[in-house]
PDB file of N, CA and C in Angstrom:
ATOM      1  N   MET A   1     184.059  65.566 101.892  1.00  0.00           N
ATOM      2  CA  MET A   1     183.336  64.966 100.796  1.00  0.00           C
ATOM      3  C   MET A   1     184.320  64.235  99.886  1.00  0.00           C
ATOM      4  N   ALA A   2     183.932  63.036  99.466  1.00  0.00           N
ATOM      5  CA  ALA A   2     184.805  62.209  98.633  1.00  0.00           C
ATOM      6  C   ALA A   2     184.845  62.731  97.194  1.00  0.00           C
ATOM      7  N   ASP A   3     185.979  62.535  96.561  1.00  0.00           N
ATOM      8  CA  ASP A   3     186.129  62.883  95.147  1.00  0.00           C
ATOM      9  C   ASP A   3     185.999  61.612  94.309  1.00  0.00           C
ATOM     10  N   PHE A   4     185.285  61.727  93.205  1.00  0.00           N
ATOM     11  CA  PHE A   4     185.100  60.604  92.295  1.00  0.00           C
ATOM     12  C   PHE A   4     185.543  61.022  90.902  1.00  0.00           C
ATOM     13  N   ASP A   5     186.046  60.049  90.155  1.00  0.00           N
ATOM     14  CA  ASP A   5     186.390  60.297  88.764  1.00  0.00           C
ATOM     15  C   ASP A   5     185.136  60.322  87.889  1.00  0.00           C
ATOM     16  N   ILE A   6     184.189  59.463  88.224  1.00  0.00           N
ATOM     17  CA  ILE A   6     182.953  59.345  87.454  1.00  0.00           C
ATOM     18  C   ILE A   6     181.786  59.160  88.420  1.00  0.00           C
ATOM     19  N   THR A   7     180.685  59.850  88.150  1.00  0.00           N
ATOM     20  CA  THR A   7     179.443  59.624  88.874  1.00  0.00           C
ATOM     21  C   THR A   7     178.432  59.093  87.866  1.00  0.00           C
ATOM     22  N   ILE A   8     177.879  57.946  88.169  1.00  0.00           N
ATOM     23  CA  ILE A   8     176.920  57.300  87.275  1.00  0.00           C
ATOM     24  C   ILE A   8     175.559  57.331  87.946  1.00  0.00           C
ATOM     25  N   ILE A   9     174.576  57.859  87.232  1.00  0.00           N
ATOM     26  CA  ILE A   9     173.215  57.904  87.749  1.00  0.00           C
ATOM     27  C   ILE A   9     172.428  56.786  87.080  1.00  0.00           C
ATOM     28  N   GLY A  10     172.012  55.833  87.866  1.00  0.00           N
ATOM     29  CA  GLY A  10     171.250  54.695  87.370  1.00  0.00           C
ATOM     30  C   GLY A  10     172.058  53.427  87.419  1.00  0.00           C
ATOM     31  N   GLY A  11     171.607  52.502  88.228  1.00  0.00           N
ATOM     32  CA  GLY A  11     172.309  51.230  88.389  1.00  0.00           C
ATOM     33  C   GLY A  11     171.666  50.111  87.607  1.00  0.00           C
ATOM     34  N   GLY A  12     171.163  50.443  86.423  1.00  0.00           N
ATOM     35  CA  GLY A  12     170.645  49.402  85.536  1.00  0.00           C
ATOM     36  C   GLY A  12     171.801  48.700  84.840  1.00  0.00           C
ATOM     37  N   VAL A  13     171.457  47.944  83.814  1.00  0.00           N
ATOM     38  CA  VAL A  13     172.473  47.180  83.092  1.00  0.00           C
ATOM     39  C   VAL A  13     173.560  48.100  82.548  1.00  0.00           C
ATOM     40  N   GLY A  14     173.179  49.198  81.928  1.00  0.00           N
ATOM     41  CA  GLY A  14     174.162  50.122  81.360  1.00  0.00           C
ATOM     42  C   GLY A  14     175.054  50.738  82.419  1.00  0.00           C
ATOM     43  N   GLY A  15     174.445  51.245  83.488  1.00  0.00           N
ATOM     44  CA  GLY A  15     175.218  51.860  84.553  1.00  0.00           C
ATOM     45  C   GLY A  15     176.184  50.896  85.214  1.00  0.00           C
ATOM     46  N   LEU A  16     175.725  49.667  85.447  1.00  0.00           N
ATOM     47  CA  LEU A  16     176.597  48.664  86.066  1.00  0.00           C
ATOM     48  C   LEU A  16     177.764  48.298  85.158  1.00  0.00           C
ATOM     49  N   ASN A  17     177.500  48.183  83.862  1.00  0.00           N
ATOM     50  CA  ASN A  17     178.582  47.864  82.921  1.00  0.00           C
ATOM     51  C   ASN A  17     179.618  48.977  82.860  1.00  0.00           C
ATOM     52  N   ILE A  18     179.161  50.225  82.804  1.00  0.00           N
ATOM     53  CA  ILE A  18     180.083  51.362  82.775  1.00  0.00           C
ATOM     54  C   ILE A  18     180.901  51.403  84.066  1.00  0.00           C
ATOM     55  N   ALA A  19     180.233  51.223  85.199  1.00  0.00           N
ATOM     56  CA  ALA A  19     180.929  51.253  86.491  1.00  0.00           C
ATOM     57  C   ALA A  19     181.978  50.147  86.565  1.00  0.00           C
ATOM     58  N   SER A  20     181.624  48.952  86.141  1.00  0.00           N
ATOM     59  CA  SER A  20     182.560  47.831  86.186  1.00  0.00           C
ATOM     60  C   SER A  20     183.785  48.101  85.313  1.00  0.00           C
ATOM     61  N   GLY A  21     183.544  48.570  84.111  1.00  0.00           N
ATOM     62  CA  GLY A  21     184.660  48.875  83.215  1.00  0.00           C
ATOM     63  C   GLY A  21     185.555  49.964  83.754  1.00  0.00           C
ATOM     64  N   ALA A  22     184.944  51.008  84.313  1.00  0.00           N
ATOM     65  CA  ALA A  22     185.725  52.129  84.843  1.00  0.00           C
ATOM     66  C   ALA A  22     186.552  51.709  86.052  1.00  0.00           C
ATOM     67  N   VAL A  23     185.983  50.878  86.912  1.00  0.00           N
ATOM     68  CA  VAL A  23     186.722  50.392  88.082  1.00  0.00           C
ATOM     69  C   VAL A  23     187.936  49.573  87.636  1.00  0.00           C
ATOM     70  N   HIS A  24     187.760  48.744  86.607  1.00  0.00           N
ATOM     71  CA  HIS A  24     188.880  47.949  86.097  1.00  0.00           C
ATOM     72  C   HIS A  24     189.977  48.825  85.501  1.00  0.00           C
ATOM     73  N   LEU A  25     189.617  50.028  85.093  1.00  0.00           N
ATOM     74  CA  LEU A  25     190.615  50.970  84.581  1.00  0.00           C
ATOM     75  C   LEU A  25     191.208  51.837  85.692  1.00  0.00           C
ATOM     76  N   GLY A  26     190.763  51.609  86.925  1.00  0.00           N
ATOM     77  CA  GLY A  26     191.319  52.326  88.066  1.00  0.00           C
ATOM     78  C   GLY A  26     190.571  53.570  88.489  1.00  0.00           C
ATOM     79  N   ALA A  27     189.395  53.803  87.927  1.00  0.00           N
ATOM     80  CA  ALA A  27     188.631  55.003  88.284  1.00  0.00           C
ATOM     81  C   ALA A  27     187.900  54.803  89.604  1.00  0.00           C
ATOM     82  N   LYS A  28     187.694  55.891  90.320  1.00  0.00           N
ATOM     83  CA  LYS A  28     186.911  55.893  91.550  1.00  0.00           C
ATOM     84  C   LYS A  28     185.493  56.290  91.160  1.00  0.00           C
ATOM     85  N   ILE A  29     184.540  55.418  91.451  1.00  0.00           N
ATOM     86  CA  ILE A  29     183.176  55.537  90.931  1.00  0.00           C
ATOM     87  C   ILE A  29     182.179  55.838  92.041  1.00  0.00           C
ATOM     88  N   ALA A  30     181.222  56.714  91.725  1.00  0.00           N
ATOM     89  CA  ALA A  30     180.018  56.880  92.537  1.00  0.00           C
ATOM     90  C   ALA A  30     178.856  56.401  91.681  1.00  0.00           C
ATOM     91  N   LEU A  31     178.143  55.404  92.152  1.00  0.00           N
ATOM     92  CA  LEU A  31     176.994  54.854  91.434  1.00  0.00           C
ATOM     93  C   LEU A  31     175.743  55.154  92.238  1.00  0.00           C
ATOM     94  N   ILE A  32     174.810  55.881  91.631  1.00  0.00           N
ATOM     95  CA  ILE A  32     173.598  56.313  92.327  1.00  0.00           C
ATOM     96  C   ILE A  32     172.408  55.559  91.734  1.00  0.00           C
ATOM     97  N   GLU A  33     171.688  54.833  92.581  1.00  0.00           N
ATOM     98  CA  GLU A  33     170.489  54.104  92.151  1.00  0.00           C
ATOM     99  C   GLU A  33     169.431  54.254  93.223  1.00  0.00           C
ATOM    100  N   LYS A  34     168.246  54.737  92.863  1.00  0.00           N
ATOM    101  CA  LYS A  34     167.203  54.967  93.862  1.00  0.00           C
ATOM    102  C   LYS A  34     166.382  53.719  94.175  1.00  0.00           C
ATOM    103  N   ASN A  35     166.465  52.705  93.330  1.00  0.00           N
ATOM    104  CA  ASN A  35     165.652  51.520  93.547  1.00  0.00           C
ATOM    105  C   ASN A  35     166.558  50.306  93.710  1.00  0.00           C
ATOM    106  N   LYS A  36     166.477  49.347  92.821  1.00  0.00           N
ATOM    107  CA  LYS A  36     167.266  48.117  92.922  1.00  0.00           C
ATOM    108  C   LYS A  36     168.358  48.114  91.866  1.00  0.00           C
ATOM    109  N   LEU A  37     169.564  47.717  92.272  1.00  0.00           N
ATOM    110  CA  LEU A  37     170.641  47.558  91.297  1.00  0.00           C
ATOM    111  C   LEU A  37     170.242  46.501  90.275  1.00  0.00           C
ATOM    112  N   GLY A  38     170.539  46.765  89.042  1.00  0.00           N
ATOM    113  CA  GLY A  38     170.188  45.851  87.958  1.00  0.00           C
ATOM    114  C   GLY A  38     169.045  46.377  87.113  1.00  0.00           C
ATOM    115  N   GLY A  39     168.245  47.260  87.687  1.00  0.00           N
ATOM    116  CA  GLY A  39     167.175  47.911  86.937  1.00  0.00           C
ATOM    117  C   GLY A  39     166.060  46.981  86.491  1.00  0.00           C
ATOM    118  N   ASP A  40     165.253  47.516  85.574  1.00  0.00           N
ATOM    119  CA  ASP A  40     164.092  46.779  85.074  1.00  0.00           C
ATOM    120  C   ASP A  40     164.482  45.490  84.369  1.00  0.00           C
ATOM    121  N   CYS A  41     165.558  45.515  83.608  1.00  0.00           N
ATOM    122  CA  CYS A  41     165.967  44.324  82.849  1.00  0.00           C
ATOM    123  C   CYS A  41     166.181  43.137  83.791  1.00  0.00           C
ATOM    124  N   LEU A  42     166.859  43.365  84.878  1.00  0.00           N
ATOM    125  CA  LEU A  42     167.152  42.276  85.805  1.00  0.00           C
ATOM    126  C   LEU A  42     165.926  41.858  86.600  1.00  0.00           C
ATOM    127  N   HIS A  43     165.137  42.807  87.079  1.00  0.00           N
ATOM    128  CA  HIS A  43     164.081  42.484  88.035  1.00  0.00           C
ATOM    129  C   HIS A  43     162.709  42.219  87.430  1.00  0.00           C
ATOM    130  N   SER A  44     162.389  42.805  86.292  1.00  0.00           N
ATOM    131  CA  SER A  44     161.040  42.613  85.750  1.00  0.00           C
ATOM    132  C   SER A  44     160.996  42.476  84.237  1.00  0.00           C
ATOM    133  N   GLY A  45     162.134  42.474  83.580  1.00  0.00           N
ATOM    134  CA  GLY A  45     162.130  42.430  82.118  1.00  0.00           C
ATOM    135  C   GLY A  45     162.852  41.234  81.551  1.00  0.00           C
ATOM    136  N   CYS A  46     164.041  41.498  81.019  1.00  0.00           N
ATOM    137  CA  CYS A  46     164.802  40.500  80.249  1.00  0.00           C
ATOM    138  C   CYS A  46     165.080  39.217  81.020  1.00  0.00           C
ATOM    139  N   VAL A  47     165.636  39.328  82.199  1.00  0.00           N
ATOM    140  CA  VAL A  47     166.081  38.136  82.934  1.00  0.00           C
ATOM    141  C   VAL A  47     164.908  37.251  83.348  1.00  0.00           C
ATOM    142  N   PRO A  48     163.846  37.794  83.963  1.00  0.00           N
ATOM    143  CA  PRO A  48     162.715  36.922  84.302  1.00  0.00           C
ATOM    144  C   PRO A  48     162.072  36.296  83.068  1.00  0.00           C
ATOM    145  N   THR A  49     161.926  37.084  82.006  1.00  0.00           N
ATOM    146  CA  THR A  49     161.308  36.570  80.786  1.00  0.00           C
ATOM    147  C   THR A  49     162.119  35.425  80.202  1.00  0.00           C
ATOM    148  N   LYS A  50     163.428  35.599  80.101  1.00  0.00           N
ATOM    149  CA  LYS A  50     164.272  34.538  79.543  1.00  0.00           C
ATOM    150  C   LYS A  50     164.283  33.307  80.443  1.00  0.00           C
ATOM    151  N   THR A  51     164.188  33.503  81.743  1.00  0.00           N
ATOM    152  CA  THR A  51     164.134  32.373  82.671  1.00  0.00           C
ATOM    153  C   THR A  51     162.851  31.579  82.465  1.00  0.00           C
ATOM    154  N   PHE A  52     161.714  32.278  82.333  1.00  0.00           N
ATOM    155  CA  PHE A  52     160.440  31.596  82.092  1.00  0.00           C
ATOM    156  C   PHE A  52     160.453  30.866  80.741  1.00  0.00           C
ATOM    157  N   LEU A  53     161.001  31.523  79.718  1.00  0.00           N
ATOM    158  CA  LEU A  53     161.053  30.897  78.401  1.00  0.00           C
ATOM    159  C   LEU A  53     161.910  29.631  78.420  1.00  0.00           C
ATOM    160  N   ARG A  54     163.003  29.667  79.149  1.00  0.00           N
ATOM    161  CA  ARG A  54     163.880  28.495  79.245  1.00  0.00           C
ATOM    162  C   ARG A  54     163.156  27.344  79.941  1.00  0.00           C
ATOM    163  N   SER A  55     162.441  27.643  81.037  1.00  0.00           N
ATOM    164  CA  SER A  55     161.674  26.601  81.728  1.00  0.00           C
ATOM    165  C   SER A  55     160.613  26.017  80.806  1.00  0.00           C
ATOM    166  N   ALA A  56     159.932  26.864  80.042  1.00  0.00           N
ATOM    167  CA  ALA A  56     158.899  26.395  79.116  1.00  0.00           C
ATOM    168  C   ALA A  56     159.503  25.522  78.026  1.00  0.00           C
ATOM    169  N   LYS A  57     160.665  25.902  77.508  1.00  0.00           N
ATOM    170  CA  LYS A  57     161.306  25.102  76.458  1.00  0.00           C
ATOM    171  C   LYS A  57     161.703  23.728  76.987  1.00  0.00           C
ATOM    172  N   ILE A  58     162.235  23.681  78.202  1.00  0.00           N
ATOM    173  CA  ILE A  58     162.622  22.396  78.793  1.00  0.00           C
ATOM    174  C   ILE A  58     161.391  21.513  78.976  1.00  0.00           C
ATOM    175  N   ALA A  59     160.277  22.092  79.463  1.00  0.00           N
ATOM    176  CA  ALA A  59     159.037  21.324  79.627  1.00  0.00           C
ATOM    177  C   ALA A  59     158.545  20.811  78.277  1.00  0.00           C
ATOM    178  N   TRP A  60     158.615  21.649  77.257  1.00  0.00           N
ATOM    179  CA  TRP A  60     158.191  21.262  75.907  1.00  0.00           C
ATOM    180  C   TRP A  60     159.038  20.103  75.399  1.00  0.00           C
ATOM    181  N   LEU A  61     160.346  20.176  75.599  1.00  0.00           N
ATOM    182  CA  LEU A  61     161.233  19.095  75.167  1.00  0.00           C
ATOM    183  C   LEU A  61     160.962  17.803  75.940  1.00  0.00           C
ATOM    184  N   MET A  62     160.702  17.932  77.232  1.00  0.00           N
ATOM    185  CA  MET A  62     160.453  16.739  78.045  1.00  0.00           C
ATOM    186  C   MET A  62     159.189  16.018  77.590  1.00  0.00           C
ATOM    187  N   ARG A  63     158.229  16.765  77.075  1.00  0.00           N
ATOM    188  CA  ARG A  63     156.998  16.144  76.584  1.00  0.00           C
ATOM    189  C   ARG A  63     157.211  15.452  75.235  1.00  0.00           C
ATOM    190  N   ARG A  64     158.324  15.682  74.584  1.00  0.00           N
ATOM    191  CA  ARG A  64     158.593  15.131  73.257  1.00  0.00           C
ATOM    192  C   ARG A  64     159.750  14.127  73.276  1.00  0.00           C
ATOM    193  N   THR A  65     160.029  13.528  74.415  1.00  0.00           N
ATOM    194  CA  THR A  65     161.196  12.647  74.529  1.00  0.00           C
ATOM    195  C   THR A  65     161.155  11.494  73.531  1.00  0.00           C
ATOM    196  N   LYS A  66     159.973  10.949  73.256  1.00  0.00           N
ATOM    197  CA  LYS A  66     159.877   9.817  72.323  1.00  0.00           C
ATOM    198  C   LYS A  66     160.362  10.203  70.930  1.00  0.00           C
ATOM    199  N   GLU A  67     160.150  11.437  70.525  1.00  0.00           N
ATOM    200  CA  GLU A  67     160.604  11.898  69.211  1.00  0.00           C
ATOM    201  C   GLU A  67     162.128  11.884  69.110  1.00  0.00           C
ATOM    202  N   TYR A  68     162.798  11.887  70.254  1.00  0.00           N
ATOM    203  CA  TYR A  68     164.261  11.886  70.284  1.00  0.00           C
ATOM    204  C   TYR A  68     164.821  10.518  70.666  1.00  0.00           C
ATOM    205  N   GLY A  69     163.953   9.512  70.643  1.00  0.00           N
ATOM    206  CA  GLY A  69     164.404   8.156  70.924  1.00  0.00           C
ATOM    207  C   GLY A  69     164.578   7.850  72.398  1.00  0.00           C
ATOM    208  N   LEU A  70     163.981   8.642  73.253  1.00  0.00           N
ATOM    209  CA  LEU A  70     164.112   8.445  74.697  1.00  0.00           C
ATOM    210  C   LEU A  70     162.792   7.956  75.278  1.00  0.00           C
ATOM    211  N   ASP A  71     162.887   7.228  76.384  1.00  0.00           N
ATOM    212  CA  ASP A  71     161.676   6.794  77.068  1.00  0.00           C
ATOM    213  C   ASP A  71     160.965   8.002  77.671  1.00  0.00           C
ATOM    214  N   GLU A  72     159.654   7.875  77.743  1.00  0.00           N
ATOM    215  CA  GLU A  72     158.888   8.950  78.377  1.00  0.00           C
ATOM    216  C   GLU A  72     159.221   8.991  79.868  1.00  0.00           C
ATOM    217  N   MET A  73     159.314  10.193  80.377  1.00  0.00           N
ATOM    218  CA  MET A  73     159.588  10.383  81.804  1.00  0.00           C
ATOM    219  C   MET A  73     158.478  11.242  82.384  1.00  0.00           C
ATOM    220  N   PRO A  74     157.834  10.753  83.438  1.00  0.00           N
ATOM    221  CA  PRO A  74     156.794  11.587  84.038  1.00  0.00           C
ATOM    222  C   PRO A  74     157.422  12.820  84.707  1.00  0.00           C
ATOM    223  N   PHE A  75     156.779  13.930  84.545  1.00  0.00           N
ATOM    224  CA  PHE A  75     157.213  15.144  85.231  1.00  0.00           C
ATOM    225  C   PHE A  75     155.984  16.011  85.462  1.00  0.00           C
ATOM    226  N   SER A  76     156.114  16.918  86.372  1.00  0.00           N
ATOM    227  CA  SER A  76     155.012  17.836  86.635  1.00  0.00           C
ATOM    228  C   SER A  76     155.558  19.248  86.712  1.00  0.00           C
ATOM    229  N   LEU A  77     154.688  20.185  86.421  1.00  0.00           N
ATOM    230  CA  LEU A  77     155.057  21.595  86.511  1.00  0.00           C
ATOM    231  C   LEU A  77     154.546  22.147  87.829  1.00  0.00           C
ATOM    232  N   ASP A  78     155.408  22.821  88.536  1.00  0.00           N
ATOM    233  CA  ASP A  78     155.024  23.465  89.788  1.00  0.00           C
ATOM    234  C   ASP A  78     155.414  24.933  89.664  1.00  0.00           C
ATOM    235  N   PHE A  79     154.411  25.774  89.500  1.00  0.00           N
ATOM    236  CA  PHE A  79     154.678  27.186  89.251  1.00  0.00           C
ATOM    237  C   PHE A  79     155.448  27.832  90.413  1.00  0.00           C
ATOM    238  N   LYS A  80     155.217  27.380  91.636  1.00  0.00           N
ATOM    239  CA  LYS A  80     155.974  27.916  92.776  1.00  0.00           C
ATOM    240  C   LYS A  80     157.473  27.652  92.600  1.00  0.00           C
ATOM    241  N   ASN A  81     157.819  26.459  92.107  1.00  0.00           N
ATOM    242  CA  ASN A  81     159.232  26.136  91.882  1.00  0.00           C
ATOM    243  C   ASN A  81     159.820  26.967  90.748  1.00  0.00           C
ATOM    244  N   ILE A  82     159.022  27.198  89.711  1.00  0.00           N
ATOM    245  CA  ILE A  82     159.490  28.030  88.605  1.00  0.00           C
ATOM    246  C   ILE A  82     159.744  29.457  89.097  1.00  0.00           C
ATOM    247  N   MET A  83     158.856  29.982  89.921  1.00  0.00           N
ATOM    248  CA  MET A  83     159.039  31.334  90.482  1.00  0.00           C
ATOM    249  C   MET A  83     160.261  31.379  91.396  1.00  0.00           C
ATOM    250  N   ARG A  84     160.474  30.334  92.179  1.00  0.00           N
ATOM    251  CA  ARG A  84     161.659  30.276  93.057  1.00  0.00           C
ATOM    252  C   ARG A  84     162.923  30.284  92.207  1.00  0.00           C
ATOM    253  N   HIS A  85     162.910  29.515  91.130  1.00  0.00           N
ATOM    254  CA  HIS A  85     164.064  29.480  90.228  1.00  0.00           C
ATOM    255  C   HIS A  85     164.321  30.872  89.648  1.00  0.00           C
ATOM    256  N   LYS A  86     163.274  31.573  89.242  1.00  0.00           N
ATOM    257  CA  LYS A  86     163.425  32.932  88.699  1.00  0.00           C
ATOM    258  C   LYS A  86     164.066  33.850  89.741  1.00  0.00           C
ATOM    259  N   ARG A  87     163.608  33.777  90.985  1.00  0.00           N
ATOM    260  CA  ARG A  87     164.190  34.608  92.049  1.00  0.00           C
ATOM    261  C   ARG A  87     165.649  34.251  92.285  1.00  0.00           C
ATOM    262  N   ASP A  88     165.977  32.959  92.228  1.00  0.00           N
ATOM    263  CA  ASP A  88     167.368  32.524  92.391  1.00  0.00           C
ATOM    264  C   ASP A  88     168.257  33.075  91.286  1.00  0.00           C
ATOM    265  N   VAL A  89     167.751  33.040  90.051  1.00  0.00           N
ATOM    266  CA  VAL A  89     168.526  33.561  88.923  1.00  0.00           C
ATOM    267  C   VAL A  89     168.766  35.055  89.105  1.00  0.00           C
ATOM    268  N   ILE A  90     167.746  35.799  89.496  1.00  0.00           N
ATOM    269  CA  ILE A  90     167.880  37.243  89.693  1.00  0.00           C
ATOM    270  C   ILE A  90     168.879  37.542  90.809  1.00  0.00           C
ATOM    271  N   SER A  91     168.788  36.821  91.909  1.00  0.00           N
ATOM    272  CA  SER A  91     169.683  37.103  93.034  1.00  0.00           C
ATOM    273  C   SER A  91     171.137  36.747  92.717  1.00  0.00           C
ATOM    274  N   THR A  92     171.325  35.783  91.836  1.00  0.00           N
ATOM    275  CA  THR A  92     172.681  35.421  91.444  1.00  0.00           C
ATOM    276  C   THR A  92     173.287  36.507  90.603  1.00  0.00           C
TER     277      THR A  92
END
């Protein structure tokens, strides 16, 4: 059986940060996560929400280009592309 300096239960944002810091200090880490690394914040909370908000803000700005002295540019919203972008951000 392997020996570890630290065992971390939960691979959410907190657990990953602690593990990363401890590894940089030379500790041997055991990280236990029963679901997905990154936890709720990465997969269903903070990161997806901020990604959607950013897409919405860009769309809002694009609709107001004339107010900023720019020519209007046609664009369309494709929810499938927005969802793909969210998945790309999470996987990164």
